[in-house]
Full PDB file with SEQRES, HELIX, SHEET, SSBOND, CRYST1, ORIGX, SCALE, CONECT and MASTER records, all heavy atoms in Angstrom:
SEQRES   1 A   34  PRO HIS ASN HIS ILE TRP PRO VAL ILE ASN ALA SER PRO          
SEQRES   2 A   34  HIS PRO ALA PRO GLU LEU LEU ARG ASN LEU ILE LEU HIS          
SEQRES   3 A   34  THR GLY ARG PRO ARG LEU ARG SER                              
HELIX    1 AA1 ILE A    5  ASN A   10  1                                   6    
HELIX    2 AA2 ALA A   16  THR A   27  1                                  12    
CRYST1    1.000    1.000    1.000  90.00  90.00  90.00 P 1           1          
ORIGX1      1.000000  0.000000  0.000000        0.00000                         
ORIGX2      0.000000  1.000000  0.000000        0.00000                         
ORIGX3      0.000000  0.000000  1.000000        0.00000                         
SCALE1      1.000000  0.000000  0.000000        0.00000                         
SCALE2      0.000000  1.000000  0.000000        0.00000                         
SCALE3      0.000000  0.000000  1.000000        0.00000                         
ATOM      1  N   PRO A   1     138.607  27.468  96.218  1.00  0.00           N  
ATOM      2  CA  PRO A   1     139.955  26.860  96.015  1.00  0.00           C  
ATOM      3  C   PRO A   1     139.898  25.351  95.956  1.00  0.00           C  
ATOM      4  O   PRO A   1     140.718  24.738  95.253  1.00  0.00           O  
ATOM      5  CB  PRO A   1     140.710  27.384  97.238  1.00  0.00           C  
ATOM      6  CG  PRO A   1     139.981  28.562  97.730  1.00  0.00           C  
ATOM      7  CD  PRO A   1     138.553  28.326  97.411  1.00  0.00           C  
ATOM      8  N   HIS A   2     139.032  24.724  96.697  1.00  0.00           N  
ATOM      9  CA  HIS A   2     138.959  23.270  96.697  1.00  0.00           C  
ATOM     10  C   HIS A   2     138.414  22.757  95.372  1.00  0.00           C  
ATOM     11  O   HIS A   2     138.624  21.554  95.061  1.00  0.00           O  
ATOM     12  CB  HIS A   2     138.085  22.769  97.847  1.00  0.00           C  
ATOM     13  CG  HIS A   2     138.551  23.218  99.216  1.00  0.00           C  
ATOM     14  ND1 HIS A   2     137.720  23.437 100.267  1.00  0.00           N  
ATOM     15  CD2 HIS A   2     139.835  23.468  99.637  1.00  0.00           C  
ATOM     16  CE1 HIS A   2     138.405  23.837 101.314  1.00  0.00           C  
ATOM     17  NE2 HIS A   2     139.713  23.865 100.982  1.00  0.00           N  
ATOM     18  N   ASN A   3     137.703  23.578  94.630  1.00  0.00           N  
ATOM     19  CA  ASN A   3     137.260  23.203  93.296  1.00  0.00           C  
ATOM     20  C   ASN A   3     138.323  23.537  92.241  1.00  0.00           C  
ATOM     21  O   ASN A   3     138.487  22.827  91.217  1.00  0.00           O  
ATOM     22  CB  ASN A   3     135.958  23.885  92.911  1.00  0.00           C  
ATOM     23  CG  ASN A   3     134.792  23.356  93.759  1.00  0.00           C  
ATOM     24  OD1 ASN A   3     134.751  22.252  94.219  1.00  0.00           O  
ATOM     25  ND2 ASN A   3     133.794  24.212  93.949  1.00  0.00           N  
ATOM     26  N   HIS A   4     139.009  24.652  92.417  1.00  0.00           N  
ATOM     27  CA  HIS A   4     139.946  25.177  91.385  1.00  0.00           C  
ATOM     28  C   HIS A   4     141.255  24.458  91.445  1.00  0.00           C  
ATOM     29  O   HIS A   4     142.119  24.663  90.560  1.00  0.00           O  
ATOM     30  CB  HIS A   4     140.133  26.663  91.568  1.00  0.00           C  
ATOM     31  CG  HIS A   4     138.880  27.466  91.561  1.00  0.00           C  
ATOM     32  ND1 HIS A   4     138.785  28.701  92.163  1.00  0.00           N  
ATOM     33  CD2 HIS A   4     137.647  27.180  91.009  1.00  0.00           C  
ATOM     34  CE1 HIS A   4     137.519  29.142  92.000  1.00  0.00           C  
ATOM     35  NE2 HIS A   4     136.849  28.242  91.323  1.00  0.00           N  
ATOM     36  N   ILE A   5     141.537  23.613  92.438  1.00  0.00           N  
ATOM     37  CA  ILE A   5     142.835  22.959  92.575  1.00  0.00           C  
ATOM     38  C   ILE A   5     143.088  21.934  91.417  1.00  0.00           C  
ATOM     39  O   ILE A   5     144.206  21.694  91.047  1.00  0.00           O  
ATOM     40  CB  ILE A   5     142.949  22.278  93.961  1.00  0.00           C  
ATOM     41  CG1 ILE A   5     144.350  21.733  94.175  1.00  0.00           C  
ATOM     42  CG2 ILE A   5     141.936  21.128  94.053  1.00  0.00           C  
ATOM     43  CD1 ILE A   5     145.424  22.794  94.189  1.00  0.00           C  
ATOM     44  N   TRP A   6     141.999  21.374  90.819  1.00  0.00           N  
ATOM     45  CA  TRP A   6     142.247  20.321  89.864  1.00  0.00           C  
ATOM     46  C   TRP A   6     142.907  20.790  88.582  1.00  0.00           C  
ATOM     47  O   TRP A   6     143.822  20.132  88.083  1.00  0.00           O  
ATOM     48  CB  TRP A   6     140.892  19.616  89.603  1.00  0.00           C  
ATOM     49  CG  TRP A   6     140.223  19.146  90.860  1.00  0.00           C  
ATOM     50  CD1 TRP A   6     139.102  19.576  91.422  1.00  0.00           C  
ATOM     51  CD2 TRP A   6     140.771  18.193  91.787  1.00  0.00           C  
ATOM     52  NE1 TRP A   6     138.853  18.933  92.634  1.00  0.00           N  
ATOM     53  CE2 TRP A   6     139.875  18.088  92.883  1.00  0.00           C  
ATOM     54  CE3 TRP A   6     141.900  17.359  91.814  1.00  0.00           C  
ATOM     55  CZ2 TRP A   6     140.095  17.228  93.947  1.00  0.00           C  
ATOM     56  CZ3 TRP A   6     142.128  16.517  92.868  1.00  0.00           C  
ATOM     57  CH2 TRP A   6     141.198  16.456  93.931  1.00  0.00           C  
ATOM     58  N   PRO A   7     142.492  21.943  87.980  1.00  0.00           N  
ATOM     59  CA  PRO A   7     143.277  22.426  86.838  1.00  0.00           C  
ATOM     60  C   PRO A   7     144.721  22.768  87.223  1.00  0.00           C  
ATOM     61  O   PRO A   7     145.659  22.629  86.388  1.00  0.00           O  
ATOM     62  CB  PRO A   7     142.472  23.705  86.382  1.00  0.00           C  
ATOM     63  CG  PRO A   7     141.115  23.453  86.897  1.00  0.00           C  
ATOM     64  CD  PRO A   7     141.268  22.739  88.184  1.00  0.00           C  
ATOM     65  N   VAL A   8     144.922  23.274  88.464  1.00  0.00           N  
ATOM     66  CA  VAL A   8     146.261  23.547  88.925  1.00  0.00           C  
ATOM     67  C   VAL A   8     147.109  22.257  88.936  1.00  0.00           C  
ATOM     68  O   VAL A   8     148.252  22.220  88.512  1.00  0.00           O  
ATOM     69  CB  VAL A   8     146.234  24.235  90.259  1.00  0.00           C  
ATOM     70  CG1 VAL A   8     147.620  24.401  90.843  1.00  0.00           C  
ATOM     71  CG2 VAL A   8     145.558  25.561  90.199  1.00  0.00           C  
ATOM     72  N   ILE A   9     146.517  21.241  89.490  1.00  0.00           N  
ATOM     73  CA  ILE A   9     147.156  19.932  89.571  1.00  0.00           C  
ATOM     74  C   ILE A   9     147.516  19.393  88.208  1.00  0.00           C  
ATOM     75  O   ILE A   9     148.615  18.882  87.993  1.00  0.00           O  
ATOM     76  CB  ILE A   9     146.269  18.911  90.348  1.00  0.00           C  
ATOM     77  CG1 ILE A   9     146.329  19.225  91.824  1.00  0.00           C  
ATOM     78  CG2 ILE A   9     146.739  17.498  90.079  1.00  0.00           C  
ATOM     79  CD1 ILE A   9     145.341  18.414  92.692  1.00  0.00           C  
ATOM     80  N   ASN A  10     146.576  19.556  87.260  1.00  0.00           N  
ATOM     81  CA  ASN A  10     146.857  19.060  85.891  1.00  0.00           C  
ATOM     82  C   ASN A  10     148.001  19.742  85.203  1.00  0.00           C  
ATOM     83  O   ASN A  10     148.677  19.169  84.379  1.00  0.00           O  
ATOM     84  CB  ASN A  10     145.559  19.268  85.040  1.00  0.00           C  
ATOM     85  CG  ASN A  10     144.424  18.419  85.515  1.00  0.00           C  
ATOM     86  OD1 ASN A  10     144.598  17.428  86.210  1.00  0.00           O  
ATOM     87  ND2 ASN A  10     143.231  18.784  85.115  1.00  0.00           N  
ATOM     88  N   ALA A  11     148.256  20.994  85.602  1.00  0.00           N  
ATOM     89  CA  ALA A  11     149.300  21.773  84.993  1.00  0.00           C  
ATOM     90  C   ALA A  11     150.585  21.772  85.790  1.00  0.00           C  
ATOM     91  O   ALA A  11     151.612  22.433  85.406  1.00  0.00           O  
ATOM     92  CB  ALA A  11     148.850  23.261  84.817  1.00  0.00           C  
ATOM     93  N   SER A  12     150.623  21.020  86.872  1.00  0.00           N  
ATOM     94  CA  SER A  12     151.843  20.993  87.751  1.00  0.00           C  
ATOM     95  C   SER A  12     152.576  19.663  87.726  1.00  0.00           C  
ATOM     96  O   SER A  12     151.961  18.600  87.626  1.00  0.00           O  
ATOM     97  CB  SER A  12     151.398  21.318  89.151  1.00  0.00           C  
ATOM     98  OG  SER A  12     152.489  21.207  90.126  1.00  0.00           O  
ATOM     99  N   PRO A  13     153.920  19.736  87.851  1.00  0.00           N  
ATOM    100  CA  PRO A  13     154.630  18.463  87.933  1.00  0.00           C  
ATOM    101  C   PRO A  13     154.667  17.850  89.326  1.00  0.00           C  
ATOM    102  O   PRO A  13     155.135  16.737  89.534  1.00  0.00           O  
ATOM    103  CB  PRO A  13     156.091  18.918  87.541  1.00  0.00           C  
ATOM    104  CG  PRO A  13     156.176  20.351  88.011  1.00  0.00           C  
ATOM    105  CD  PRO A  13     154.758  20.908  87.769  1.00  0.00           C  
ATOM    106  N   HIS A  14     154.131  18.573  90.311  1.00  0.00           N  
ATOM    107  CA  HIS A  14     154.105  18.118  91.675  1.00  0.00           C  
ATOM    108  C   HIS A  14     153.031  17.101  91.913  1.00  0.00           C  
ATOM    109  O   HIS A  14     151.968  17.164  91.239  1.00  0.00           O  
ATOM    110  CB  HIS A  14     153.983  19.281  92.657  1.00  0.00           C  
ATOM    111  CG  HIS A  14     155.143  20.245  92.666  1.00  0.00           C  
ATOM    112  ND1 HIS A  14     156.278  20.039  93.394  1.00  0.00           N  
ATOM    113  CD2 HIS A  14     155.358  21.382  91.982  1.00  0.00           C  
ATOM    114  CE1 HIS A  14     157.143  21.027  93.158  1.00  0.00           C  
ATOM    115  NE2 HIS A  14     156.604  21.858  92.289  1.00  0.00           N  
ATOM    116  N   PRO A  15     153.207  16.173  92.853  1.00  0.00           N  
ATOM    117  CA  PRO A  15     152.179  15.127  93.065  1.00  0.00           C  
ATOM    118  C   PRO A  15     150.831  15.708  93.478  1.00  0.00           C  
ATOM    119  O   PRO A  15     150.819  16.631  94.295  1.00  0.00           O  
ATOM    120  CB  PRO A  15     152.802  14.285  94.161  1.00  0.00           C  
ATOM    121  CG  PRO A  15     154.279  14.544  94.122  1.00  0.00           C  
ATOM    122  CD  PRO A  15     154.425  15.949  93.628  1.00  0.00           C  
ATOM    123  N   ALA A  16     149.749  15.195  92.913  1.00  0.00           N  
ATOM    124  CA  ALA A  16     148.430  15.719  93.211  1.00  0.00           C  
ATOM    125  C   ALA A  16     148.117  15.715  94.737  1.00  0.00           C  
ATOM    126  O   ALA A  16     147.619  16.709  95.243  1.00  0.00           O  
ATOM    127  CB  ALA A  16     147.391  14.966  92.435  1.00  0.00           C  
ATOM    128  N   PRO A  17     148.330  14.580  95.428  1.00  0.00           N  
ATOM    129  CA  PRO A  17     148.017  14.581  96.876  1.00  0.00           C  
ATOM    130  C   PRO A  17     148.742  15.671  97.662  1.00  0.00           C  
ATOM    131  O   PRO A  17     148.171  16.260  98.557  1.00  0.00           O  
ATOM    132  CB  PRO A  17     148.400  13.184  97.322  1.00  0.00           C  
ATOM    133  CG  PRO A  17     148.322  12.330  96.101  1.00  0.00           C  
ATOM    134  CD  PRO A  17     148.808  13.274  94.993  1.00  0.00           C  
ATOM    135  N   GLU A  18     149.977  15.919  97.283  1.00  0.00           N  
ATOM    136  CA  GLU A  18     150.760  16.944  97.989  1.00  0.00           C  
ATOM    137  C   GLU A  18     150.150  18.324  97.773  1.00  0.00           C  
ATOM    138  O   GLU A  18     150.029  19.091  98.757  1.00  0.00           O  
ATOM    139  CB  GLU A  18     152.219  16.947  97.482  1.00  0.00           C  
ATOM    140  CG  GLU A  18     153.094  17.991  98.070  1.00  0.00           C  
ATOM    141  CD  GLU A  18     154.456  18.053  97.454  1.00  0.00           C  
ATOM    142  OE1 GLU A  18     154.994  16.996  97.067  1.00  0.00           O  
ATOM    143  OE2 GLU A  18     155.026  19.186  97.331  1.00  0.00           O  
ATOM    144  N   LEU A  19     149.762  18.654  96.565  1.00  0.00           N  
ATOM    145  CA  LEU A  19     149.224  19.981  96.294  1.00  0.00           C  
ATOM    146  C   LEU A  19     147.880  20.170  96.980  1.00  0.00           C  
ATOM    147  O   LEU A  19     147.599  21.224  97.591  1.00  0.00           O  
ATOM    148  CB  LEU A  19     149.093  20.181  94.782  1.00  0.00           C  
ATOM    149  CG  LEU A  19     150.360  20.306  93.955  1.00  0.00           C  
ATOM    150  CD1 LEU A  19     150.061  20.300  92.481  1.00  0.00           C  
ATOM    151  CD2 LEU A  19     151.192  21.468  94.373  1.00  0.00           C  
ATOM    152  N   LEU A  20     147.055  19.108  96.944  1.00  0.00           N  
ATOM    153  CA  LEU A  20     145.736  19.204  97.604  1.00  0.00           C  
ATOM    154  C   LEU A  20     145.933  19.305  99.081  1.00  0.00           C  
ATOM    155  O   LEU A  20     145.206  20.124  99.754  1.00  0.00           O  
ATOM    156  CB  LEU A  20     144.903  17.991  97.251  1.00  0.00           C  
ATOM    157  CG  LEU A  20     143.524  17.927  97.913  1.00  0.00           C  
ATOM    158  CD1 LEU A  20     142.655  19.083  97.453  1.00  0.00           C  
ATOM    159  CD2 LEU A  20     142.829  16.612  97.628  1.00  0.00           C  
ATOM    160  N   ARG A  21     146.824  18.515  99.665  1.00  0.00           N  
ATOM    161  CA  ARG A  21     147.065  18.557 101.087  1.00  0.00           C  
ATOM    162  C   ARG A  21     147.479  19.952 101.548  1.00  0.00           C  
ATOM    163  O   ARG A  21     146.972  20.482 102.523  1.00  0.00           O  
ATOM    164  CB  ARG A  21     148.113  17.515 101.473  1.00  0.00           C  
ATOM    165  CG  ARG A  21     148.465  17.505 102.977  1.00  0.00           C  
ATOM    166  CD  ARG A  21     149.543  16.500 103.323  1.00  0.00           C  
ATOM    167  NE  ARG A  21     149.866  16.624 104.716  1.00  0.00           N  
ATOM    168  CZ  ARG A  21     149.217  16.001 105.682  1.00  0.00           C  
ATOM    169  NH1 ARG A  21     148.135  15.271 105.420  1.00  0.00           N  
ATOM    170  NH2 ARG A  21     149.574  16.155 106.983  1.00  0.00           N  
ATOM    171  N   ASN A  22     148.430  20.557 100.827  1.00  0.00           N  
ATOM    172  CA  ASN A  22     148.941  21.838 101.242  1.00  0.00           C  
ATOM    173  C   ASN A  22     147.879  22.911 101.087  1.00  0.00           C  
ATOM    174  O   ASN A  22     147.749  23.820 101.921  1.00  0.00           O  
ATOM    175  CB  ASN A  22     150.158  22.209 100.362  1.00  0.00           C  
ATOM    176  CG  ASN A  22     151.372  21.334 100.703  1.00  0.00           C  
ATOM    177  OD1 ASN A  22     151.426  20.735 101.773  1.00  0.00           O  
ATOM    178  ND2 ASN A  22     152.338  21.280  99.775  1.00  0.00           N  
ATOM    179  N   LEU A  23     146.987  22.818 100.043  1.00  0.00           N  
ATOM    180  CA  LEU A  23     145.917  23.760  99.929  1.00  0.00           C  
ATOM    181  C   LEU A  23     144.963  23.665 101.069  1.00  0.00           C  
ATOM    182  O   LEU A  23     144.614  24.675 101.698  1.00  0.00           O  
ATOM    183  CB  LEU A  23     145.146  23.515  98.637  1.00  0.00           C  
ATOM    184  CG  LEU A  23     143.836  24.315  98.493  1.00  0.00           C  
ATOM    185  CD1 LEU A  23     144.131  25.802  98.384  1.00  0.00           C  
ATOM    186  CD2 LEU A  23     143.032  23.849  97.340  1.00  0.00           C  
ATOM    187  N   ILE A  24     144.548  22.465 101.471  1.00  0.00           N  
ATOM    188  CA  ILE A  24     143.552  22.327 102.560  1.00  0.00           C  
ATOM    189  C   ILE A  24     144.137  22.775 103.889  1.00  0.00           C  
ATOM    190  O   ILE A  24     143.435  23.379 104.727  1.00  0.00           O  
ATOM    191  CB  ILE A  24     143.104  20.852 102.613  1.00  0.00           C  
ATOM    192  CG1 ILE A  24     142.177  20.576 101.405  1.00  0.00           C  
ATOM    193  CG2 ILE A  24     142.373  20.562 103.900  1.00  0.00           C  
ATOM    194  CD1 ILE A  24     141.707  19.156 101.293  1.00  0.00           C  
ATOM    195  N   LEU A  25     145.460  22.549 104.075  1.00  0.00           N  
ATOM    196  CA  LEU A  25     146.070  23.057 105.291  1.00  0.00           C  
ATOM    197  C   LEU A  25     146.147  24.554 105.300  1.00  0.00           C  
ATOM    198  O   LEU A  25     145.982  25.207 106.384  1.00  0.00           O  
ATOM    199  CB  LEU A  25     147.457  22.438 105.473  1.00  0.00           C  
ATOM    200  CG  LEU A  25     147.449  20.956 105.796  1.00  0.00           C  
ATOM    201  CD1 LEU A  25     148.895  20.422 105.786  1.00  0.00           C  
ATOM    202  CD2 LEU A  25     146.787  20.674 107.139  1.00  0.00           C  
ATOM    203  N   HIS A  26     146.334  25.189 104.143  1.00  0.00           N  
ATOM    204  CA  HIS A  26     146.372  26.670 104.085  1.00  0.00           C  
ATOM    205  C   HIS A  26     145.000  27.229 104.339  1.00  0.00           C  
ATOM    206  O   HIS A  26     144.868  28.321 104.921  1.00  0.00           O  
ATOM    207  CB  HIS A  26     146.947  27.117 102.753  1.00  0.00           C  
ATOM    208  CG  HIS A  26     148.447  27.193 102.731  1.00  0.00           C  
ATOM    209  ND1 HIS A  26     149.141  28.200 103.284  1.00  0.00           N  
ATOM    210  CD2 HIS A  26     149.365  26.349 102.172  1.00  0.00           C  
ATOM    211  CE1 HIS A  26     150.425  28.007 103.100  1.00  0.00           C  
ATOM    212  NE2 HIS A  26     150.588  26.881 102.414  1.00  0.00           N  
ATOM    213  N   THR A  27     143.931  26.586 103.861  1.00  0.00           N  
ATOM    214  CA  THR A  27     142.600  27.125 104.113  1.00  0.00           C  
ATOM    215  C   THR A  27     142.135  26.790 105.541  1.00  0.00           C  
ATOM    216  O   THR A  27     141.152  27.353 106.008  1.00  0.00           O  
ATOM    217  CB  THR A  27     141.549  26.542 103.124  1.00  0.00           C  
ATOM    218  OG1 THR A  27     141.597  25.096 103.132  1.00  0.00           O  
ATOM    219  CG2 THR A  27     141.859  27.000 101.705  1.00  0.00           C  
ATOM    220  N   GLY A  28     142.854  25.923 106.261  1.00  0.00           N  
ATOM    221  CA  GLY A  28     142.478  25.516 107.573  1.00  0.00           C  
ATOM    222  C   GLY A  28     143.224  26.296 108.662  1.00  0.00           C  
ATOM    223  O   GLY A  28     143.442  25.721 109.788  1.00  0.00           O  
ATOM    224  N   ARG A  29     143.602  27.476 108.370  1.00  0.00           N  
ATOM    225  CA  ARG A  29     144.273  28.293 109.394  1.00  0.00           C  
ATOM    226  C   ARG A  29     143.248  28.703 110.528  1.00  0.00           C  
ATOM    227  O   ARG A  29     142.151  29.226 110.218  1.00  0.00           O  
ATOM    228  CB  ARG A  29     144.878  29.547 108.809  1.00  0.00           C  
ATOM    229  CG  ARG A  29     145.875  29.263 107.683  1.00  0.00           C  
ATOM    230  CD  ARG A  29     146.465  30.552 107.180  1.00  0.00           C  
ATOM    231  NE  ARG A  29     147.445  31.076 108.133  1.00  0.00           N  
ATOM    232  CZ  ARG A  29     147.865  32.372 108.178  1.00  0.00           C  
ATOM    233  NH1 ARG A  29     147.349  33.216 107.278  1.00  0.00           N  
ATOM    234  NH2 ARG A  29     148.719  32.765 109.082  1.00  0.00           N  
ATOM    235  N   PRO A  30     143.581  28.440 111.773  1.00  0.00           N  
ATOM    236  CA  PRO A  30     142.592  28.727 112.883  1.00  0.00           C  
ATOM    237  C   PRO A  30     142.571  30.164 113.261  1.00  0.00           C  
ATOM    238  O   PRO A  30     143.240  30.608 114.199  1.00  0.00           O  
ATOM    239  CB  PRO A  30     143.122  27.833 113.979  1.00  0.00           C  
ATOM    240  CG  PRO A  30     144.581  27.783 113.770  1.00  0.00           C  
ATOM    241  CD  PRO A  30     144.794  27.824 112.284  1.00  0.00           C  
ATOM    242  N   ARG A  31     141.759  30.936 112.553  1.00  0.00           N  
ATOM    243  CA  ARG A  31     141.710  32.424 112.854  1.00  0.00           C  
ATOM    244  C   ARG A  31     140.990  32.679 114.140  1.00  0.00           C  
ATOM    245  O   ARG A  31     141.053  33.813 114.695  1.00  0.00           O  
ATOM    246  CB  ARG A  31     141.037  33.158 111.692  1.00  0.00           C  
ATOM    247  CG  ARG A  31     139.658  32.669 111.373  1.00  0.00           C  
ATOM    248  CD  ARG A  31     139.070  33.333 110.092  1.00  0.00           C  
ATOM    249  NE  ARG A  31     137.795  32.845 109.720  1.00  0.00           N  
ATOM    250  CZ  ARG A  31     137.566  31.771 109.014  1.00  0.00           C  
ATOM    251  NH1 ARG A  31     138.573  31.061 108.547  1.00  0.00           N  
ATOM    252  NH2 ARG A  31     136.356  31.394 108.726  1.00  0.00           N  
ATOM    253  N   LEU A  32     140.231  31.764 114.670  1.00  0.00           N  
ATOM    254  CA  LEU A  32     139.601  31.888 115.979  1.00  0.00           C  
ATOM    255  C   LEU A  32     140.254  30.919 116.999  1.00  0.00           C  
ATOM    256  O   LEU A  32     140.496  29.726 116.646  1.00  0.00           O  
ATOM    257  CB  LEU A  32     138.076  31.571 115.923  1.00  0.00           C  
ATOM    258  CG  LEU A  32     137.232  32.545 115.078  1.00  0.00           C  
ATOM    259  CD1 LEU A  32     135.784  32.130 115.124  1.00  0.00           C  
ATOM    260  CD2 LEU A  32     137.407  33.968 115.594  1.00  0.00           C  
ATOM    261  N   ARG A  33     140.474  31.352 118.144  1.00  0.00           N  
ATOM    262  CA  ARG A  33     141.061  30.455 119.172  1.00  0.00           C  
ATOM    263  C   ARG A  33     140.121  29.345 119.595  1.00  0.00           C  
ATOM    264  O   ARG A  33     140.558  28.289 120.098  1.00  0.00           O  
ATOM    265  CB  ARG A  33     141.447  31.285 120.424  1.00  0.00           C  
ATOM    266  CG  ARG A  33     142.556  32.309 120.199  1.00  0.00           C  
ATOM    267  CD  ARG A  33     142.922  33.009 121.497  1.00  0.00           C  
ATOM    268  NE  ARG A  33     144.018  33.941 121.294  1.00  0.00           N  
ATOM    269  CZ  ARG A  33     144.532  34.714 122.243  1.00  0.00           C  
ATOM    270  NH1 ARG A  33     144.034  34.635 123.483  1.00  0.00           N  
ATOM    271  NH2 ARG A  33     145.535  35.551 121.980  1.00  0.00           N  
ATOM    272  N   SER A  34     138.839  29.520 119.316  1.00  0.00           N  
ATOM    273  CA  SER A  34     137.883  28.465 119.738  1.00  0.00           C  
ATOM    274  C   SER A  34     137.938  27.251 118.856  1.00  0.00           C  
ATOM    275  O   SER A  34     137.432  26.189 119.227  1.00  0.00           O  
ATOM    276  CB  SER A  34     136.425  29.044 119.698  1.00  0.00           C  
ATOM    277  OG  SER A  34     136.112  29.487 118.375  1.00  0.00           O  
TER     278      SER A  34                                                      
MASTER        0    0    0    2    0    0    0    6  277    1    0    3          
END                                                                             
């Protein structure tokens, strides 16, 4: 996903930093309590 975000950004009207930030936060879900 961190590689595939760039074509998504190119095709989107939303700001690039916002889209990248939201992606990284979604992949950073803490599935382990540790």
